[in-house]
Amino acid sequence: SVVFLQKVKTAKRIYATIIHAKTN
């Protein structure tokens, strides 16, 4: 499974935005 991450300023289209991540 792949999630392709790009900076907003260089993305041609945006499907979703990751606003925060955390783990423990």
PDB file of all heavy atoms in Angstrom:
ATOM      1  N   SER A   1       0.860  -1.175   0.000  1.00  0.00           N
ATOM      2  CA  SER A   1       0.000   0.000   0.000  1.00  0.00           C
ATOM      3  C   SER A   1       0.896   1.225   0.000  1.00  0.00           C
ATOM      4  O   SER A   1       1.948   1.236   0.638  1.00  0.00           O
ATOM      5  CB  SER A   1      -0.881  -0.027   1.248  1.00  0.00           C
ATOM      6  OG  SER A   1      -1.998   0.783   1.091  1.00  0.00           O
ATOM      7  N   VAL A   2       0.499   2.255  -0.730  1.00  0.00           N
ATOM      8  CA  VAL A   2       1.347   3.435  -0.875  1.00  0.00           C
ATOM      9  C   VAL A   2       0.537   4.701  -0.633  1.00  0.00           C
ATOM     10  O   VAL A   2      -0.586   4.826  -1.105  1.00  0.00           O
ATOM     11  CB  VAL A   2       1.946   3.497  -2.311  1.00  0.00           C
ATOM     12  CG1 VAL A   2       2.753   4.770  -2.512  1.00  0.00           C
ATOM     13  CG2 VAL A   2       2.786   2.275  -2.588  1.00  0.00           C
ATOM     14  N   VAL A   3       1.124   5.619   0.093  1.00  0.00           N
ATOM     15  CA  VAL A   3       0.584   6.960   0.224  1.00  0.00           C
ATOM     16  C   VAL A   3       1.668   7.889  -0.303  1.00  0.00           C
ATOM     17  O   VAL A   3       2.802   7.878   0.175  1.00  0.00           O
ATOM     18  CB  VAL A   3       0.246   7.307   1.693  1.00  0.00           C
ATOM     19  CG1 VAL A   3      -0.138   8.773   1.828  1.00  0.00           C
ATOM     20  CG2 VAL A   3      -0.861   6.419   2.206  1.00  0.00           C
ATOM     21  N   PHE A   4       1.346   8.648  -1.321  1.00  0.00           N
ATOM     22  CA  PHE A   4       2.302   9.571  -1.932  1.00  0.00           C
ATOM     23  C   PHE A   4       2.134  10.934  -1.294  1.00  0.00           C
ATOM     24  O   PHE A   4       1.075  11.553  -1.392  1.00  0.00           O
ATOM     25  CB  PHE A   4       2.062   9.640  -3.446  1.00  0.00           C
ATOM     26  CG  PHE A   4       3.033  10.522  -4.165  1.00  0.00           C
ATOM     27  CD1 PHE A   4       4.373  10.175  -4.250  1.00  0.00           C
ATOM     28  CD2 PHE A   4       2.610  11.695  -4.751  1.00  0.00           C
ATOM     29  CE1 PHE A   4       5.268  10.981  -4.917  1.00  0.00           C
ATOM     30  CE2 PHE A   4       3.502  12.520  -5.414  1.00  0.00           C
ATOM     31  CZ  PHE A   4       4.843  12.159  -5.502  1.00  0.00           C
ATOM     32  N   LEU A   5       3.166  11.396  -0.606  1.00  0.00           N
ATOM     33  CA  LEU A   5       3.114  12.680   0.089  1.00  0.00           C
ATOM     34  C   LEU A   5       3.827  13.748  -0.722  1.00  0.00           C
ATOM     35  O   LEU A   5       4.913  13.516  -1.251  1.00  0.00           O
ATOM     36  CB  LEU A   5       3.771  12.566   1.468  1.00  0.00           C
ATOM     37  CG  LEU A   5       3.173  11.541   2.426  1.00  0.00           C
ATOM     38  CD1 LEU A   5       3.990  11.463   3.698  1.00  0.00           C
ATOM     39  CD2 LEU A   5       1.733  11.869   2.739  1.00  0.00           C
ATOM     40  N   GLN A   6       3.208  14.905  -0.818  1.00  0.00           N
ATOM     41  CA  GLN A   6       3.784  16.041  -1.526  1.00  0.00           C
ATOM     42  C   GLN A   6       3.502  17.310  -0.749  1.00  0.00           C
ATOM     43  O   GLN A   6       2.510  17.393  -0.019  1.00  0.00           O
ATOM     44  CB  GLN A   6       3.122  16.211  -2.900  1.00  0.00           C
ATOM     45  CG  GLN A   6       3.760  15.471  -4.014  1.00  0.00           C
ATOM     46  CD  GLN A   6       3.094  15.857  -5.338  1.00  0.00           C
ATOM     47  OE1 GLN A   6       1.903  15.667  -5.487  1.00  0.00           O
ATOM     48  NE2 GLN A   6       3.862  16.387  -6.247  1.00  0.00           N
ATOM     49  N   LYS A   7       4.351  18.290  -0.960  1.00  0.00           N
ATOM     50  CA  LYS A   7       4.069  19.604  -0.405  1.00  0.00           C
ATOM     51  C   LYS A   7       2.909  20.213  -1.177  1.00  0.00           C
ATOM     52  O   LYS A   7       2.787  20.030  -2.381  1.00  0.00           O
ATOM     53  CB  LYS A   7       5.296  20.503  -0.513  1.00  0.00           C
ATOM     54  CG  LYS A   7       6.431  20.048   0.369  1.00  0.00           C
ATOM     55  CD  LYS A   7       7.595  20.986   0.249  1.00  0.00           C
ATOM     56  CE  LYS A   7       8.719  20.497   1.154  1.00  0.00           C
ATOM     57  NZ  LYS A   7       9.888  21.371   1.061  1.00  0.00           N
ATOM     58  N   VAL A   8       2.044  20.930  -0.494  1.00  0.00           N
ATOM     59  CA  VAL A   8       0.868  21.531  -1.112  1.00  0.00           C
ATOM     60  C   VAL A   8       1.262  22.417  -2.294  1.00  0.00           C
ATOM     61  O   VAL A   8       0.637  22.386  -3.349  1.00  0.00           O
ATOM     62  CB  VAL A   8       0.050  22.338  -0.072  1.00  0.00           C
ATOM     63  CG1 VAL A   8      -1.046  23.139  -0.728  1.00  0.00           C
ATOM     64  CG2 VAL A   8      -0.522  21.411   0.971  1.00  0.00           C
ATOM     65  N   LYS A   9       2.340  23.166  -2.133  1.00  0.00           N
ATOM     66  CA  LYS A   9       2.716  24.123  -3.194  1.00  0.00           C
ATOM     67  C   LYS A   9       3.164  23.440  -4.486  1.00  0.00           C
ATOM     68  O   LYS A   9       3.139  24.044  -5.546  1.00  0.00           O
ATOM     69  CB  LYS A   9       3.786  25.091  -2.692  1.00  0.00           C
ATOM     70  CG  LYS A   9       5.113  24.441  -2.347  1.00  0.00           C
ATOM     71  CD  LYS A   9       6.082  25.461  -1.808  1.00  0.00           C
ATOM     72  CE  LYS A   9       7.399  24.796  -1.463  1.00  0.00           C
ATOM     73  NZ  LYS A   9       8.327  25.707  -0.846  1.00  0.00           N
ATOM     74  N   THR A  10       3.540  22.158  -4.432  1.00  0.00           N
ATOM     75  CA  THR A  10       3.976  21.465  -5.649  1.00  0.00           C
ATOM     76  C   THR A  10       2.978  20.416  -6.136  1.00  0.00           C
ATOM     77  O   THR A  10       3.179  19.825  -7.188  1.00  0.00           O
ATOM     78  CB  THR A  10       5.347  20.782  -5.431  1.00  0.00           C
ATOM     79  OG1 THR A  10       5.220  19.856  -4.355  1.00  0.00           O
ATOM     80  CG2 THR A  10       6.431  21.800  -5.130  1.00  0.00           C
ATOM     81  N   ALA A  11       1.900  20.203  -5.402  1.00  0.00           N
ATOM     82  CA  ALA A  11       0.925  19.170  -5.768  1.00  0.00           C
ATOM     83  C   ALA A  11       0.032  19.631  -6.918  1.00  0.00           C
ATOM     84  O   ALA A  11      -0.413  20.772  -6.949  1.00  0.00           O
ATOM     85  CB  ALA A  11       0.067  18.818  -4.561  1.00  0.00           C
ATOM     86  N   LYS A  12      -0.213  18.732  -7.868  1.00  0.00           N
ATOM     87  CA  LYS A  12      -1.131  19.043  -8.973  1.00  0.00           C
ATOM     88  C   LYS A  12      -2.578  18.854  -8.536  1.00  0.00           C
ATOM     89  O   LYS A  12      -3.471  19.504  -9.034  1.00  0.00           O
ATOM     90  CB  LYS A  12      -0.819  18.163 -10.171  1.00  0.00           C
ATOM     91  CG  LYS A  12       0.558  18.485 -10.716  1.00  0.00           C
ATOM     92  CD  LYS A  12       0.760  17.951 -12.073  1.00  0.00           C
ATOM     93  CE  LYS A  12       2.155  18.370 -12.423  1.00  0.00           C
ATOM     94  NZ  LYS A  12       2.647  18.298 -13.619  1.00  0.00           N
ATOM     95  N   ARG A  13      -2.824  17.932  -7.642  1.00  0.00           N
ATOM     96  CA  ARG A  13      -4.147  17.764  -7.061  1.00  0.00           C
ATOM     97  C   ARG A  13      -3.972  17.232  -5.643  1.00  0.00           C
ATOM     98  O   ARG A  13      -2.987  16.581  -5.326  1.00  0.00           O
ATOM     99  CB  ARG A  13      -5.035  16.866  -7.896  1.00  0.00           C
ATOM    100  CG  ARG A  13      -4.541  15.513  -8.178  1.00  0.00           C
ATOM    101  CD  ARG A  13      -5.485  14.768  -9.134  1.00  0.00           C
ATOM    102  NE  ARG A  13      -5.105  14.787 -10.508  1.00  0.00           N
ATOM    103  CZ  ARG A  13      -4.191  14.007 -11.057  1.00  0.00           C
ATOM    104  NH1 ARG A  13      -3.552  13.146 -10.344  1.00  0.00           N
ATOM    105  NH2 ARG A  13      -3.920  14.080 -12.323  1.00  0.00           N
ATOM    106  N   ILE A  14      -4.962  17.512  -4.809  1.00  0.00           N
ATOM    107  CA  ILE A  14      -4.901  17.104  -3.403  1.00  0.00           C
ATOM    108  C   ILE A  14      -6.127  16.261  -3.102  1.00  0.00           C
ATOM    109  O   ILE A  14      -7.257  16.702  -3.289  1.00  0.00           O
ATOM    110  CB  ILE A  14      -4.856  18.333  -2.470  1.00  0.00           C
ATOM    111  CG1 ILE A  14      -3.595  19.157  -2.770  1.00  0.00           C
ATOM    112  CG2 ILE A  14      -4.895  17.896  -1.006  1.00  0.00           C
ATOM    113  CD1 ILE A  14      -3.560  20.494  -2.064  1.00  0.00           C
ATOM    114  N   TYR A  15      -5.894  15.041  -2.656  1.00  0.00           N
ATOM    115  CA  TYR A  15      -6.990  14.139  -2.309  1.00  0.00           C
ATOM    116  C   TYR A  15      -7.308  14.196  -0.819  1.00  0.00           C
ATOM    117  O   TYR A  15      -8.437  13.995  -0.411  1.00  0.00           O
ATOM    118  CB  TYR A  15      -6.639  12.700  -2.686  1.00  0.00           C
ATOM    119  CG  TYR A  15      -6.480  12.506  -4.174  1.00  0.00           C
ATOM    120  CD1 TYR A  15      -5.227  12.402  -4.752  1.00  0.00           C
ATOM    121  CD2 TYR A  15      -7.592  12.422  -5.006  1.00  0.00           C
ATOM    122  CE1 TYR A  15      -5.079  12.211  -6.118  1.00  0.00           C
ATOM    123  CE2 TYR A  15      -7.458  12.250  -6.368  1.00  0.00           C
ATOM    124  CZ  TYR A  15      -6.197  12.142  -6.916  1.00  0.00           C
ATOM    125  OH  TYR A  15      -6.068  11.972  -8.259  1.00  0.00           O
ATOM    126  N   ALA A  16      -6.306  14.425  -0.027  1.00  0.00           N
ATOM    127  CA  ALA A  16      -6.486  14.495   1.423  1.00  0.00           C
ATOM    128  C   ALA A  16      -5.305  15.250   2.012  1.00  0.00           C
ATOM    129  O   ALA A  16      -4.254  15.372   1.376  1.00  0.00           O
ATOM    130  CB  ALA A  16      -6.560  13.093   2.024  1.00  0.00           C
ATOM    131  N   THR A  17      -5.481  15.730   3.216  1.00  0.00           N
ATOM    132  CA  THR A  17      -4.420  16.447   3.901  1.00  0.00           C
ATOM    133  C   THR A  17      -4.189  15.798   5.260  1.00  0.00           C
ATOM    134  O   THR A  17      -5.147  15.589   6.005  1.00  0.00           O
ATOM    135  CB  THR A  17      -4.809  17.931   4.098  1.00  0.00           C
ATOM    136  OG1 THR A  17      -5.089  18.496   2.820  1.00  0.00           O
ATOM    137  CG2 THR A  17      -3.696  18.704   4.768  1.00  0.00           C
ATOM    138  N   ILE A  18      -2.949  15.473   5.539  1.00  0.00           N
ATOM    139  CA  ILE A  18      -2.591  14.957   6.866  1.00  0.00           C
ATOM    140  C   ILE A  18      -2.239  16.170   7.706  1.00  0.00           C
ATOM    141  O   ILE A  18      -1.289  16.888   7.400  1.00  0.00           O
ATOM    142  CB  ILE A  18      -1.404  13.976   6.786  1.00  0.00           C
ATOM    143  CG1 ILE A  18      -1.801  12.763   5.939  1.00  0.00           C
ATOM    144  CG2 ILE A  18      -0.945  13.577   8.188  1.00  0.00           C
ATOM    145  CD1 ILE A  18      -0.653  11.810   5.644  1.00  0.00           C
ATOM    146  N   ILE A  19      -3.023  16.419   8.746  1.00  0.00           N
ATOM    147  CA  ILE A  19      -2.784  17.609   9.554  1.00  0.00           C
ATOM    148  C   ILE A  19      -1.929  17.327  10.786  1.00  0.00           C
ATOM    149  O   ILE A  19      -1.346  18.239  11.345  1.00  0.00           O
ATOM    150  CB  ILE A  19      -4.101  18.298   9.972  1.00  0.00           C
ATOM    151  CG1 ILE A  19      -4.982  17.350  10.770  1.00  0.00           C
ATOM    152  CG2 ILE A  19      -4.822  18.849   8.772  1.00  0.00           C
ATOM    153  CD1 ILE A  19      -6.160  18.019  11.433  1.00  0.00           C
ATOM    154  N   HIS A  20      -1.860  16.049  11.179  1.00  0.00           N
ATOM    155  CA  HIS A  20      -1.075  15.735  12.371  1.00  0.00           C
ATOM    156  C   HIS A  20      -0.905  14.224  12.453  1.00  0.00           C
ATOM    157  O   HIS A  20      -1.753  13.480  11.960  1.00  0.00           O
ATOM    158  CB  HIS A  20      -1.796  16.247  13.621  1.00  0.00           C
ATOM    159  CG  HIS A  20      -0.979  16.264  14.863  1.00  0.00           C
ATOM    160  ND1 HIS A  20       0.222  16.919  14.952  1.00  0.00           N
ATOM    161  CD2 HIS A  20      -1.190  15.717  16.077  1.00  0.00           C
ATOM    162  CE1 HIS A  20       0.706  16.772  16.174  1.00  0.00           C
ATOM    163  NE2 HIS A  20      -0.136  16.047  16.883  1.00  0.00           N
ATOM    164  N   ALA A  21       0.150  13.784  13.052  1.00  0.00           N
ATOM    165  CA  ALA A  21       0.375  12.354  13.274  1.00  0.00           C
ATOM    166  C   ALA A  21       1.032  12.171  14.632  1.00  0.00           C
ATOM    167  O   ALA A  21       1.785  13.030  15.095  1.00  0.00           O
ATOM    168  CB  ALA A  21       1.265  11.774  12.178  1.00  0.00           C
ATOM    169  N   LYS A  22       0.713  11.074  15.272  1.00  0.00           N
ATOM    170  CA  LYS A  22       1.262  10.803  16.603  1.00  0.00           C
ATOM    171  C   LYS A  22       1.205   9.296  16.835  1.00  0.00           C
ATOM    172  O   LYS A  22       0.311   8.623  16.329  1.00  0.00           O
ATOM    173  CB  LYS A  22       0.432  11.538  17.653  1.00  0.00           C
ATOM    174  CG  LYS A  22       1.062  11.647  19.012  1.00  0.00           C
ATOM    175  CD  LYS A  22       0.231  12.607  19.866  1.00  0.00           C
ATOM    176  CE  LYS A  22       0.901  12.930  21.149  1.00  0.00           C
ATOM    177  NZ  LYS A  22       2.022  13.851  21.017  1.00  0.00           N
ATOM    178  N   THR A  23       2.128   8.761  17.570  1.00  0.00           N
ATOM    179  CA  THR A  23       2.142   7.336  17.879  1.00  0.00           C
ATOM    180  C   THR A  23       2.661   7.127  19.294  1.00  0.00           C
ATOM    181  O   THR A  23       3.258   8.033  19.879  1.00  0.00           O
ATOM    182  CB  THR A  23       2.993   6.554  16.856  1.00  0.00           C
ATOM    183  OG1 THR A  23       2.858   5.156  17.104  1.00  0.00           O
ATOM    184  CG2 THR A  23       4.457   6.939  16.935  1.00  0.00           C
ATOM    185  N   ASN A  24       2.411   5.963  19.809  1.00  0.00           N
ATOM    186  CA  ASN A  24       2.988   5.621  21.108  1.00  0.00           C
ATOM    187  C   ASN A  24       3.271   4.126  21.155  1.00  0.00           C
ATOM    188  O   ASN A  24       2.735   3.355  20.369  1.00  0.00           O
ATOM    189  CB  ASN A  24       2.066   6.020  22.263  1.00  0.00           C
ATOM    190  CG  ASN A  24       0.912   5.063  22.460  1.00  0.00           C
ATOM    191  OD1 ASN A  24       0.351   4.548  21.498  1.00  0.00           O
ATOM    192  ND2 ASN A  24       0.536   4.830  23.695  1.00  0.00           N
TER     193      ASN A  24
END
